[in-house]
Structures are given as structure tokens and as C-alpha cells.
Amino acid sequence: MKAWIKQRVWILSILTTVLIIIQCINSVTGDALNNFGILPRTTRGLVGILCAPWLHSNWEHLFSNLPILLILSALLISQSVRDYIKSSIFIILFSGLLVWIFARTAIHIGASGWIFGLWALLLARAFTQRSLLDFIFAAVVFIYYGGITSGMIPGTPGISFEAHIAGVIAGLSYALLTRKKPRIEVSP
């Protein structure tokens, strides 16, 4: 196996392992870790900006998020590990901050803000970077996961539509901030 493939598989394996270990600890402690989620506009809730994407309400919640997180991560990491890590950090922090500022009062947990951010980033890159590979990835993702946009509609109990919207905003923001600037040719 080529070294670049091994590195990417290793990173995605670590991501999966960490999420499962955290859920194991959370299950054993009676979901005590969920108190480290984002509680908007509270000092205590600030720590949730970093913790929330790693916490899930139960195994079903984790296993509903994990496959799409891994697929989107694999698509983005295939181009650059460094950019995937930078984009993930940006999306987690920015979407978490938006949830902390604007969301309804509840504990917000789960990787869905991160997922929606990666999804929006992948779609936006098709337009901002004008790469054929990004366009193909975006088309496939939109065809197979376009239905996730319904997660941004308020009303489903127990679903943080605010985190979904914040993730999209964060993903689009990262795409715009890191877009390749067109080269301007200067004539003599």
C-alpha cells in the first residue's frame, strides 16, 4: 500500500477509534460527558465548542454520523491531509462559536456541524477552486447526500438544526477564505 494511502487510512482509523472510545466512556458514565456539549451563551458552554463534535447522545446517534463523516473526510483528505485538518479545525471552531452565540438554550452535541461543514466545503470547492476532481466529488456528494439539507429545517425534536446551519456557514466560509486567486497576467 502506498505511503500516502496508509497515512490517510491511519488518520481515518484514529478518528473512528477516538469517537468510539469516547462513546464507550459516555455510555459507561450514564452520558455524563454530554454535559461538555455546547450550552449557548454560558461560560460552561464555551468548552463545548471543542468537545461537542466528539460527543453523541447514544450509539445510534454516533453510527448515524460516523459513515458520512468518514466518507466526507476521505474525499477531502484524499487531496491534502494538512488542508483537511485545517478545514476541520476551522469548521469545528467556527460552527461551534456560531452555535454558542445563536442557538436555542439546550446542550448541543454531535459531529453533524462538522459533517455539514465538510459537505458545504466540498460543494463550494467545486466552484471556488474550479477543479474537475472537486466538481466530481461535489456532484457525487450532492446526488447521494443532497437530502441532508432537510436537517437544516427547524422542528425535529432532539436535532440541532442550528449546528447544521452553522456547519454549512463554516464550510462555505473556509472555502471562500482559502479559494485559489486567479492569476492576473500583466502585459509589458
N, C-alpha and C. Protein backbone atom coordinates (compact mmCIF):
# COMPACT_ATOMS: atom_id res chain seq x y z
N MET A 1 0.85 -1.17 0.00
CA MET A 1 0.00 0.00 0.00
C MET A 1 0.89 1.24 0.00
N LYS A 2 0.57 2.21 -0.84
CA LYS A 2 1.37 3.42 -0.92
C LYS A 2 1.32 4.17 0.40
N ALA A 3 2.42 4.89 0.68
CA ALA A 3 2.53 5.61 1.95
C ALA A 3 1.43 6.65 2.12
N TRP A 4 1.05 7.37 1.05
CA TRP A 4 0.03 8.41 1.20
C TRP A 4 -1.33 7.81 1.49
N ILE A 5 -1.62 6.62 0.97
CA ILE A 5 -2.88 5.94 1.28
C ILE A 5 -2.86 5.46 2.73
N LYS A 6 -1.74 4.86 3.15
CA LYS A 6 -1.61 4.38 4.53
C LYS A 6 -1.84 5.51 5.52
N GLN A 7 -1.24 6.67 5.23
CA GLN A 7 -1.37 7.81 6.13
C GLN A 7 -2.84 8.22 6.27
N ARG A 8 -3.55 8.28 5.17
CA ARG A 8 -4.94 8.71 5.19
C ARG A 8 -5.84 7.67 5.88
N VAL A 9 -5.60 6.41 5.60
CA VAL A 9 -6.37 5.34 6.26
C VAL A 9 -6.09 5.37 7.76
N TRP A 10 -4.85 5.59 8.14
CA TRP A 10 -4.47 5.66 9.56
C TRP A 10 -5.22 6.80 10.24
N ILE A 11 -5.26 7.98 9.62
CA ILE A 11 -5.94 9.14 10.20
C ILE A 11 -7.43 8.86 10.37
N LEU A 12 -8.06 8.30 9.35
CA LEU A 12 -9.49 7.99 9.44
C LEU A 12 -9.76 6.89 10.47
N SER A 13 -8.84 5.95 10.61
CA SER A 13 -8.97 4.90 11.63
C SER A 13 -8.87 5.49 13.03
N ILE A 14 -7.94 6.41 13.21
CA ILE A 14 -7.78 7.08 14.52
C ILE A 14 -9.05 7.86 14.84
N LEU A 15 -9.57 8.59 13.86
CA LEU A 15 -10.80 9.35 14.05
C LEU A 15 -11.94 8.44 14.51
N THR A 16 -12.10 7.33 13.83
CA THR A 16 -13.15 6.36 14.18
C THR A 16 -12.94 5.81 15.59
N THR A 17 -11.72 5.42 15.89
CA THR A 17 -11.39 4.85 17.20
C THR A 17 -11.67 5.85 18.32
N VAL A 18 -11.26 7.09 18.14
CA VAL A 18 -11.48 8.12 19.16
C VAL A 18 -12.98 8.31 19.41
N LEU A 19 -13.76 8.42 18.34
CA LEU A 19 -15.21 8.60 18.50
C LEU A 19 -15.85 7.41 19.23
N ILE A 20 -15.42 6.21 18.92
CA ILE A 20 -15.98 5.01 19.57
C ILE A 20 -15.55 4.93 21.03
N ILE A 21 -14.30 5.23 21.32
CA ILE A 21 -13.83 5.22 22.72
C ILE A 21 -14.58 6.25 23.55
N ILE A 22 -14.75 7.44 23.01
CA ILE A 22 -15.49 8.47 23.74
C ILE A 22 -16.93 8.03 24.00
N GLN A 23 -17.56 7.39 23.02
CA GLN A 23 -18.93 6.91 23.21
C GLN A 23 -18.98 5.79 24.24
N CYS A 24 -17.96 4.94 24.26
CA CYS A 24 -17.89 3.89 25.29
C CYS A 24 -17.84 4.52 26.68
N ILE A 25 -16.97 5.50 26.85
CA ILE A 25 -16.85 6.19 28.15
C ILE A 25 -18.16 6.87 28.49
N ASN A 26 -18.76 7.51 27.51
CA ASN A 26 -20.03 8.20 27.74
C ASN A 26 -21.13 7.22 28.15
N SER A 27 -21.18 6.07 27.51
CA SER A 27 -22.19 5.06 27.85
C SER A 27 -22.00 4.53 29.26
N VAL A 28 -20.75 4.25 29.62
CA VAL A 28 -20.44 3.70 30.95
C VAL A 28 -20.73 4.71 32.05
N THR A 29 -20.58 6.00 31.75
CA THR A 29 -20.80 7.03 32.77
C THR A 29 -22.23 7.58 32.75
N GLY A 30 -23.13 6.91 32.06
CA GLY A 30 -24.51 7.38 32.01
C GLY A 30 -24.66 8.69 31.25
N ASP A 31 -23.91 8.83 30.19
CA ASP A 31 -23.93 10.03 29.33
C ASP A 31 -23.44 11.29 30.03
N ALA A 32 -22.62 11.12 31.04
CA ALA A 32 -22.10 12.27 31.78
C ALA A 32 -21.28 13.21 30.91
N LEU A 33 -20.60 12.66 29.91
CA LEU A 33 -19.77 13.51 29.06
C LEU A 33 -20.59 14.52 28.25
N ASN A 34 -21.86 14.22 28.04
CA ASN A 34 -22.69 15.12 27.25
C ASN A 34 -22.85 16.49 27.88
N ASN A 35 -22.55 16.59 29.19
CA ASN A 35 -22.57 17.89 29.86
C ASN A 35 -21.48 18.82 29.32
N PHE A 36 -20.54 18.26 28.55
CA PHE A 36 -19.48 19.07 27.95
C PHE A 36 -19.85 19.54 26.55
N GLY A 37 -21.12 19.45 26.21
CA GLY A 37 -21.59 19.96 24.92
C GLY A 37 -21.68 21.48 24.96
N ILE A 38 -22.15 22.04 23.87
CA ILE A 38 -22.29 23.50 23.78
C ILE A 38 -23.60 23.91 24.44
N LEU A 39 -23.50 24.69 25.49
CA LEU A 39 -24.67 25.31 26.12
C LEU A 39 -24.57 26.80 25.78
N PRO A 40 -25.37 27.25 24.83
CA PRO A 40 -25.22 28.61 24.30
C PRO A 40 -25.22 29.70 25.37
N ARG A 41 -24.35 30.67 25.12
CA ARG A 41 -24.23 31.89 25.89
C ARG A 41 -23.93 31.68 27.37
N THR A 42 -23.25 30.57 27.69
CA THR A 42 -22.80 30.34 29.06
C THR A 42 -21.29 30.11 29.04
N THR A 43 -20.66 30.45 30.13
CA THR A 43 -19.22 30.22 30.24
C THR A 43 -18.94 28.72 30.14
N ARG A 44 -19.74 27.93 30.81
CA ARG A 44 -19.59 26.47 30.78
C ARG A 44 -19.70 25.93 29.35
N GLY A 45 -20.55 26.54 28.57
CA GLY A 45 -20.78 26.08 27.21
C GLY A 45 -19.64 26.33 26.25
N LEU A 46 -18.72 27.22 26.62
CA LEU A 46 -17.57 27.50 25.74
C LEU A 46 -16.71 26.27 25.51
N VAL A 47 -16.53 25.44 26.53
CA VAL A 47 -15.72 24.23 26.38
C VAL A 47 -16.39 23.29 25.38
N GLY A 48 -17.69 23.39 25.24
CA GLY A 48 -18.43 22.57 24.30
C GLY A 48 -18.07 22.82 22.85
N ILE A 49 -17.55 24.01 22.56
CA ILE A 49 -17.14 24.30 21.18
C ILE A 49 -16.11 23.27 20.73
N LEU A 50 -15.21 22.90 21.62
CA LEU A 50 -14.20 21.89 21.29
C LEU A 50 -14.70 20.46 21.49
N CYS A 51 -15.55 20.27 22.47
CA CYS A 51 -15.97 18.90 22.84
C CYS A 51 -17.16 18.36 22.06
N ALA A 52 -18.11 19.22 21.71
CA ALA A 52 -19.39 18.78 21.14
C ALA A 52 -19.27 17.83 19.95
N PRO A 53 -18.36 18.07 18.98
CA PRO A 53 -18.32 17.17 17.82
C PRO A 53 -17.91 15.74 18.16
N TRP A 54 -17.33 15.55 19.31
CA TRP A 54 -16.84 14.22 19.71
C TRP A 54 -17.84 13.48 20.57
N LEU A 55 -18.93 14.15 20.97
CA LEU A 55 -19.92 13.58 21.88
C LEU A 55 -21.21 13.26 21.13
N HIS A 56 -21.83 12.15 21.49
CA HIS A 56 -23.08 11.74 20.86
C HIS A 56 -24.04 11.25 21.94
N SER A 57 -25.33 11.44 21.70
CA SER A 57 -26.32 11.12 22.72
C SER A 57 -26.45 9.62 22.98
N ASN A 58 -26.14 8.81 21.95
CA ASN A 58 -26.19 7.36 22.11
C ASN A 58 -25.47 6.72 20.91
N TRP A 59 -25.44 5.40 20.89
CA TRP A 59 -24.74 4.69 19.82
C TRP A 59 -25.41 4.93 18.46
N GLU A 60 -26.72 5.00 18.47
CA GLU A 60 -27.43 5.24 17.20
C GLU A 60 -27.03 6.59 16.61
N HIS A 61 -26.93 7.60 17.48
CA HIS A 61 -26.51 8.94 17.05
C HIS A 61 -25.10 8.88 16.46
N LEU A 62 -24.20 8.21 17.16
CA LEU A 62 -22.83 8.09 16.65
C LEU A 62 -22.80 7.38 15.31
N PHE A 63 -23.50 6.25 15.21
CA PHE A 63 -23.44 5.46 13.97
C PHE A 63 -24.25 6.07 12.83
N SER A 64 -25.08 7.05 13.13
CA SER A 64 -25.72 7.78 12.03
C SER A 64 -24.79 8.86 11.50
N ASN A 65 -23.91 9.38 12.36
CA ASN A 65 -22.95 10.41 11.93
C ASN A 65 -21.66 9.84 11.36
N LEU A 66 -21.21 8.73 11.89
CA LEU A 66 -19.88 8.22 11.54
C LEU A 66 -19.69 7.89 10.06
N PRO A 67 -20.59 7.18 9.40
CA PRO A 67 -20.34 6.86 7.98
C PRO A 67 -20.18 8.09 7.09
N ILE A 68 -21.08 9.06 7.22
CA ILE A 68 -20.98 10.26 6.37
C ILE A 68 -19.76 11.09 6.75
N LEU A 69 -19.42 11.15 8.03
CA LEU A 69 -18.21 11.86 8.44
C LEU A 69 -16.98 11.23 7.79
N LEU A 70 -16.92 9.91 7.79
CA LEU A 70 -15.77 9.22 7.20
C LEU A 70 -15.73 9.38 5.68
N ILE A 71 -16.88 9.34 5.02
CA ILE A 71 -16.91 9.50 3.57
C ILE A 71 -16.47 10.91 3.18
N LEU A 72 -17.05 11.92 3.82
CA LEU A 72 -16.65 13.30 3.51
C LEU A 72 -15.19 13.55 3.86
N SER A 73 -14.76 13.00 4.98
CA SER A 73 -13.36 13.15 5.38
C SER A 73 -12.43 12.49 4.37
N ALA A 74 -12.80 11.29 3.92
CA ALA A 74 -11.97 10.59 2.93
C ALA A 74 -11.87 11.37 1.63
N LEU A 75 -12.97 11.97 1.20
CA LEU A 75 -12.94 12.75 -0.03
C LEU A 75 -12.05 13.99 0.11
N LEU A 76 -12.13 14.65 1.25
CA LEU A 76 -11.32 15.86 1.44
C LEU A 76 -9.87 15.54 1.77
N ILE A 77 -9.63 14.49 2.50
CA ILE A 77 -8.27 14.14 2.89
C ILE A 77 -7.48 13.57 1.71
N SER A 78 -8.21 13.09 0.70
CA SER A 78 -7.53 12.50 -0.45
C SER A 78 -6.65 13.51 -1.17
N GLN A 79 -6.98 14.78 -1.06
CA GLN A 79 -6.19 15.81 -1.72
C GLN A 79 -5.05 16.33 -0.84
N SER A 80 -5.33 16.56 0.43
CA SER A 80 -4.30 17.11 1.32
C SER A 80 -4.67 16.85 2.77
N VAL A 81 -3.79 16.17 3.47
CA VAL A 81 -4.01 15.90 4.90
C VAL A 81 -3.99 17.22 5.67
N ARG A 82 -3.01 18.06 5.36
CA ARG A 82 -2.88 19.34 6.07
C ARG A 82 -4.15 20.19 5.90
N ASP A 83 -4.65 20.29 4.67
CA ASP A 83 -5.84 21.11 4.44
C ASP A 83 -7.06 20.49 5.11
N TYR A 84 -7.15 19.17 5.11
CA TYR A 84 -8.28 18.51 5.78
C TYR A 84 -8.27 18.85 7.27
N ILE A 85 -7.11 18.77 7.89
CA ILE A 85 -7.01 19.07 9.32
C ILE A 85 -7.32 20.54 9.59
N LYS A 86 -6.76 21.44 8.78
CA LYS A 86 -7.03 22.87 8.95
C LYS A 86 -8.51 23.18 8.74
N SER A 87 -9.11 22.59 7.71
CA SER A 87 -10.53 22.86 7.46
C SER A 87 -11.39 22.29 8.58
N SER A 88 -11.06 21.12 9.08
CA SER A 88 -11.84 20.52 10.17
C SER A 88 -11.76 21.38 11.43
N ILE A 89 -10.56 21.84 11.76
CA ILE A 89 -10.40 22.70 12.94
C ILE A 89 -11.21 23.99 12.77
N PHE A 90 -11.10 24.60 11.60
CA PHE A 90 -11.85 25.83 11.33
C PHE A 90 -13.35 25.58 11.46
N ILE A 91 -13.84 24.53 10.82
CA ILE A 91 -15.27 24.23 10.83
C ILE A 91 -15.75 23.94 12.25
N ILE A 92 -15.01 23.14 13.00
CA ILE A 92 -15.41 22.82 14.37
C ILE A 92 -15.47 24.08 15.23
N LEU A 93 -14.43 24.91 15.15
CA LEU A 93 -14.38 26.11 15.99
C LEU A 93 -15.41 27.16 15.57
N PHE A 94 -15.49 27.44 14.27
CA PHE A 94 -16.39 28.49 13.80
C PHE A 94 -17.85 28.07 13.95
N SER A 95 -18.18 26.85 13.56
CA SER A 95 -19.58 26.42 13.71
C SER A 95 -19.95 26.33 15.19
N GLY A 96 -19.03 25.87 16.02
CA GLY A 96 -19.28 25.80 17.46
C GLY A 96 -19.52 27.18 18.06
N LEU A 97 -18.74 28.15 17.61
CA LEU A 97 -18.92 29.52 18.10
C LEU A 97 -20.28 30.07 17.65
N LEU A 98 -20.66 29.81 16.41
CA LEU A 98 -21.97 30.25 15.93
C LEU A 98 -23.10 29.62 16.73
N VAL A 99 -22.98 28.34 17.04
CA VAL A 99 -23.99 27.67 17.87
C VAL A 99 -24.02 28.30 19.24
N TRP A 100 -22.85 28.55 19.82
CA TRP A 100 -22.77 29.13 21.16
C TRP A 100 -23.44 30.52 21.19
N ILE A 101 -23.27 31.29 20.13
CA ILE A 101 -23.84 32.65 20.09
C ILE A 101 -25.34 32.64 19.78
N PHE A 102 -25.75 31.85 18.78
CA PHE A 102 -27.10 32.00 18.23
C PHE A 102 -28.10 30.89 18.56
N ALA A 103 -27.67 29.73 18.98
CA ALA A 103 -28.59 28.59 19.12
C ALA A 103 -29.51 28.74 20.32
N ARG A 104 -30.59 27.97 20.28
CA ARG A 104 -31.53 27.94 21.39
C ARG A 104 -30.85 27.32 22.60
N THR A 105 -31.39 27.57 23.77
CA THR A 105 -30.81 27.07 25.00
C THR A 105 -31.09 25.58 25.12
N ALA A 106 -30.05 24.80 24.93
CA ALA A 106 -30.07 23.34 25.03
C ALA A 106 -28.62 22.91 24.92
N ILE A 107 -28.31 21.71 25.31
CA ILE A 107 -26.96 21.20 25.13
C ILE A 107 -26.87 20.62 23.72
N HIS A 108 -25.97 21.18 22.93
CA HIS A 108 -25.79 20.77 21.53
C HIS A 108 -24.55 19.87 21.45
N ILE A 109 -24.75 18.64 20.95
CA ILE A 109 -23.66 17.68 20.81
C ILE A 109 -23.76 16.98 19.46
N GLY A 110 -22.68 16.34 19.07
CA GLY A 110 -22.67 15.54 17.85
C GLY A 110 -21.78 16.14 16.77
N ALA A 111 -21.41 15.30 15.84
CA ALA A 111 -20.50 15.70 14.76
C ALA A 111 -21.22 16.31 13.56
N SER A 112 -22.52 16.52 13.67
CA SER A 112 -23.26 16.97 12.48
C SER A 112 -22.87 18.36 12.00
N GLY A 113 -22.49 19.27 12.89
CA GLY A 113 -22.00 20.58 12.44
C GLY A 113 -20.74 20.42 11.61
N TRP A 114 -19.86 19.55 12.05
CA TRP A 114 -18.62 19.23 11.33
C TRP A 114 -18.96 18.60 9.98
N ILE A 115 -19.92 17.67 10.00
CA ILE A 115 -20.34 16.99 8.77
C ILE A 115 -20.91 17.98 7.76
N PHE A 116 -21.82 18.82 8.21
CA PHE A 116 -22.41 19.81 7.31
C PHE A 116 -21.35 20.78 6.80
N GLY A 117 -20.37 21.09 7.64
CA GLY A 117 -19.27 21.96 7.21
C GLY A 117 -18.42 21.32 6.13
N LEU A 118 -18.08 20.05 6.30
CA LEU A 118 -17.30 19.34 5.29
C LEU A 118 -18.09 19.21 3.99
N TRP A 119 -19.39 18.95 4.12
CA TRP A 119 -20.26 18.83 2.96
C TRP A 119 -20.30 20.14 2.17
N ALA A 120 -20.51 21.25 2.89
CA ALA A 120 -20.57 22.57 2.24
C ALA A 120 -19.22 22.92 1.63
N LEU A 121 -18.13 22.59 2.32
CA LEU A 121 -16.79 22.85 1.79
C LEU A 121 -16.57 22.10 0.49
N LEU A 122 -16.93 20.86 0.47
CA LEU A 122 -16.76 20.05 -0.73
C LEU A 122 -17.57 20.62 -1.90
N LEU A 123 -18.81 21.00 -1.63
CA LEU A 123 -19.63 21.58 -2.68
C LEU A 123 -19.08 22.94 -3.14
N ALA A 124 -18.66 23.76 -2.20
CA ALA A 124 -18.16 25.09 -2.55
C ALA A 124 -16.85 25.02 -3.33
N ARG A 125 -16.01 24.06 -2.98
CA ARG A 125 -14.73 23.95 -3.68
C ARG A 125 -14.89 23.66 -5.16
N ALA A 126 -15.98 23.02 -5.52
CA ALA A 126 -16.23 22.75 -6.94
C ALA A 126 -16.31 24.06 -7.71
N PHE A 127 -16.75 25.11 -7.03
CA PHE A 127 -16.90 26.41 -7.69
C PHE A 127 -15.73 27.34 -7.42
N THR A 128 -15.19 27.33 -6.19
CA THR A 128 -14.12 28.27 -5.86
C THR A 128 -12.76 27.85 -6.41
N GLN A 129 -12.52 26.55 -6.51
CA GLN A 129 -11.21 26.10 -6.98
C GLN A 129 -11.23 25.62 -8.42
N ARG A 130 -12.42 25.47 -8.96
CA ARG A 130 -12.60 25.08 -10.36
C ARG A 130 -11.75 23.88 -10.75
N SER A 131 -11.81 22.90 -9.87
CA SER A 131 -11.06 21.66 -10.10
C SER A 131 -12.04 20.59 -10.56
N LEU A 132 -11.66 19.85 -11.58
CA LEU A 132 -12.52 18.78 -12.09
C LEU A 132 -12.76 17.74 -11.00
N LEU A 133 -11.72 17.39 -10.25
CA LEU A 133 -11.86 16.41 -9.17
C LEU A 133 -12.85 16.91 -8.11
N ASP A 134 -12.72 18.17 -7.71
CA ASP A 134 -13.66 18.73 -6.74
C ASP A 134 -15.08 18.73 -7.29
N PHE A 135 -15.23 19.03 -8.56
CA PHE A 135 -16.56 19.03 -9.16
C PHE A 135 -17.17 17.62 -9.15
N ILE A 136 -16.37 16.62 -9.49
CA ILE A 136 -16.85 15.23 -9.47
C ILE A 136 -17.24 14.83 -8.06
N PHE A 137 -16.38 15.13 -7.07
CA PHE A 137 -16.70 14.83 -5.67
C PHE A 137 -18.00 15.53 -5.27
N ALA A 138 -18.12 16.81 -5.61
CA ALA A 138 -19.30 17.58 -5.24
C ALA A 138 -20.56 16.99 -5.86
N ALA A 139 -20.48 16.60 -7.11
CA ALA A 139 -21.65 16.03 -7.78
C ALA A 139 -22.07 14.72 -7.11
N VAL A 140 -21.11 13.87 -6.82
CA VAL A 140 -21.42 12.59 -6.16
C VAL A 140 -22.01 12.84 -4.78
N VAL A 141 -21.40 13.73 -4.02
CA VAL A 141 -21.89 14.03 -2.68
C VAL A 141 -23.29 14.63 -2.75
N PHE A 142 -23.51 15.55 -3.67
CA PHE A 142 -24.83 16.17 -3.76
C PHE A 142 -25.89 15.14 -4.15
N ILE A 143 -25.57 14.27 -5.08
CA ILE A 143 -26.53 13.25 -5.51
C ILE A 143 -26.87 12.29 -4.37
N TYR A 144 -25.83 11.82 -3.66
CA TYR A 144 -26.08 10.83 -2.61
C TYR A 144 -26.49 11.43 -1.28
N TYR A 145 -26.04 12.65 -0.97
CA TYR A 145 -26.31 13.23 0.34
C TYR A 145 -27.03 14.55 0.28
N GLY A 146 -27.58 14.91 -0.88
CA GLY A 146 -28.32 16.16 -1.01
C GLY A 146 -29.50 16.24 -0.06
N GLY A 147 -30.03 15.10 0.32
CA GLY A 147 -31.15 15.06 1.24
C GLY A 147 -30.81 15.52 2.65
N ILE A 148 -29.53 15.63 2.96
CA ILE A 148 -29.19 16.08 4.31
C ILE A 148 -29.57 17.53 4.54
N THR A 149 -29.86 18.26 3.46
CA THR A 149 -30.27 19.65 3.63
C THR A 149 -31.54 19.77 4.45
N SER A 150 -32.35 18.71 4.50
CA SER A 150 -33.56 18.75 5.32
C SER A 150 -33.21 18.88 6.80
N GLY A 151 -31.97 18.53 7.17
CA GLY A 151 -31.53 18.67 8.56
C GLY A 151 -31.35 20.11 8.99
N MET A 152 -31.46 21.05 8.05
CA MET A 152 -31.32 22.47 8.39
C MET A 152 -32.67 23.11 8.66
N ILE A 153 -33.74 22.33 8.58
CA ILE A 153 -35.08 22.85 8.82
C ILE A 153 -35.44 22.60 10.29
N PRO A 154 -35.84 23.66 10.99
CA PRO A 154 -36.20 23.51 12.40
C PRO A 154 -37.43 22.62 12.57
N GLY A 155 -37.53 22.02 13.75
CA GLY A 155 -38.74 21.31 14.08
C GLY A 155 -38.58 19.88 14.51
N THR A 156 -37.48 19.23 14.17
CA THR A 156 -37.30 17.85 14.59
C THR A 156 -36.73 17.84 16.01
N PRO A 157 -37.50 17.29 16.96
CA PRO A 157 -37.02 17.26 18.34
C PRO A 157 -35.68 16.52 18.47
N GLY A 158 -34.79 17.06 19.27
CA GLY A 158 -33.51 16.42 19.52
C GLY A 158 -32.47 16.63 18.43
N ILE A 159 -32.81 17.41 17.40
CA ILE A 159 -31.87 17.68 16.30
C ILE A 159 -31.46 19.15 16.39
N SER A 160 -30.18 19.40 16.40
CA SER A 160 -29.67 20.76 16.42
C SER A 160 -29.54 21.28 15.00
N PHE A 161 -30.66 21.78 14.47
CA PHE A 161 -30.61 22.37 13.13
C PHE A 161 -29.66 23.56 13.13
N GLU A 162 -29.49 24.20 14.30
CA GLU A 162 -28.56 25.32 14.40
C GLU A 162 -27.13 24.88 14.10
N ALA A 163 -26.75 23.71 14.60
CA ALA A 163 -25.40 23.19 14.33
C ALA A 163 -25.25 22.87 12.85
N HIS A 164 -26.30 22.38 12.22
CA HIS A 164 -26.25 22.06 10.79
C HIS A 164 -26.05 23.34 9.97
N ILE A 165 -26.84 24.36 10.28
CA ILE A 165 -26.71 25.64 9.56
C ILE A 165 -25.35 26.26 9.83
N ALA A 166 -24.91 26.23 11.08
CA ALA A 166 -23.60 26.79 11.44
C ALA A 166 -22.48 26.05 10.71
N GLY A 167 -22.61 24.73 10.57
CA GLY A 167 -21.62 23.95 9.84
C GLY A 167 -21.54 24.36 8.38
N VAL A 168 -22.69 24.56 7.76
CA VAL A 168 -22.70 25.00 6.36
C VAL A 168 -22.02 26.36 6.23
N ILE A 169 -22.36 27.28 7.13
CA ILE A 169 -21.74 28.61 7.09
C ILE A 169 -20.23 28.50 7.26
N ALA A 170 -19.79 27.66 8.19
CA ALA A 170 -18.36 27.48 8.43
C ALA A 170 -17.66 26.86 7.23
N GLY A 171 -18.26 25.85 6.63
CA GLY A 171 -17.67 25.21 5.45
C GLY A 171 -17.56 26.16 4.27
N LEU A 172 -18.62 26.92 4.03
CA LEU A 172 -18.60 27.91 2.95
C LEU A 172 -17.58 29.00 3.23
N SER A 173 -17.50 29.42 4.48
CA SER A 173 -16.51 30.46 4.86
C SER A 173 -15.09 29.97 4.62
N TYR A 174 -14.82 28.74 5.02
CA TYR A 174 -13.47 28.20 4.81
C TYR A 174 -13.16 28.12 3.31
N ALA A 175 -14.13 27.70 2.52
CA ALA A 175 -13.91 27.61 1.07
C ALA A 175 -13.60 28.98 0.48
N LEU A 176 -14.32 30.00 0.92
CA LEU A 176 -14.08 31.34 0.41
C LEU A 176 -12.74 31.90 0.87
N LEU A 177 -12.40 31.65 2.12
CA LEU A 177 -11.14 32.16 2.67
C LEU A 177 -9.91 31.49 2.04
N THR A 178 -10.06 30.27 1.57
CA THR A 178 -8.91 29.52 1.04
C THR A 178 -8.98 29.31 -0.46
N ARG A 179 -9.90 29.98 -1.13
CA ARG A 179 -10.02 29.78 -2.58
C ARG A 179 -8.76 30.26 -3.28
N LYS A 180 -8.50 29.61 -4.38
CA LYS A 180 -7.34 29.99 -5.18
C LYS A 180 -7.67 31.27 -5.93
N LYS A 181 -6.79 32.23 -5.81
CA LYS A 181 -6.98 33.50 -6.51
C LYS A 181 -6.55 33.32 -7.97
N PRO A 182 -7.34 33.84 -8.91
CA PRO A 182 -6.93 33.72 -10.31
C PRO A 182 -5.68 34.54 -10.56
N ARG A 183 -4.82 34.00 -11.39
CA ARG A 183 -3.59 34.71 -11.75
C ARG A 183 -3.93 35.79 -12.76
N ILE A 184 -3.41 36.94 -12.52
CA ILE A 184 -3.62 38.06 -13.44
C ILE A 184 -2.34 38.23 -14.26
N GLU A 185 -2.49 38.10 -15.55
CA GLU A 185 -1.36 38.27 -16.45
C GLU A 185 -1.17 39.75 -16.72
N VAL A 186 0.06 40.20 -16.61
CA VAL A 186 0.39 41.60 -16.89
C VAL A 186 1.15 41.65 -18.21
N SER A 187 0.66 42.47 -19.12
CA SER A 187 1.33 42.62 -20.41
C SER A 187 2.38 43.70 -20.33
N PRO A 188 3.53 43.49 -20.97
CA PRO A 188 4.58 44.53 -20.95
C PRO A 188 4.20 45.71 -21.82
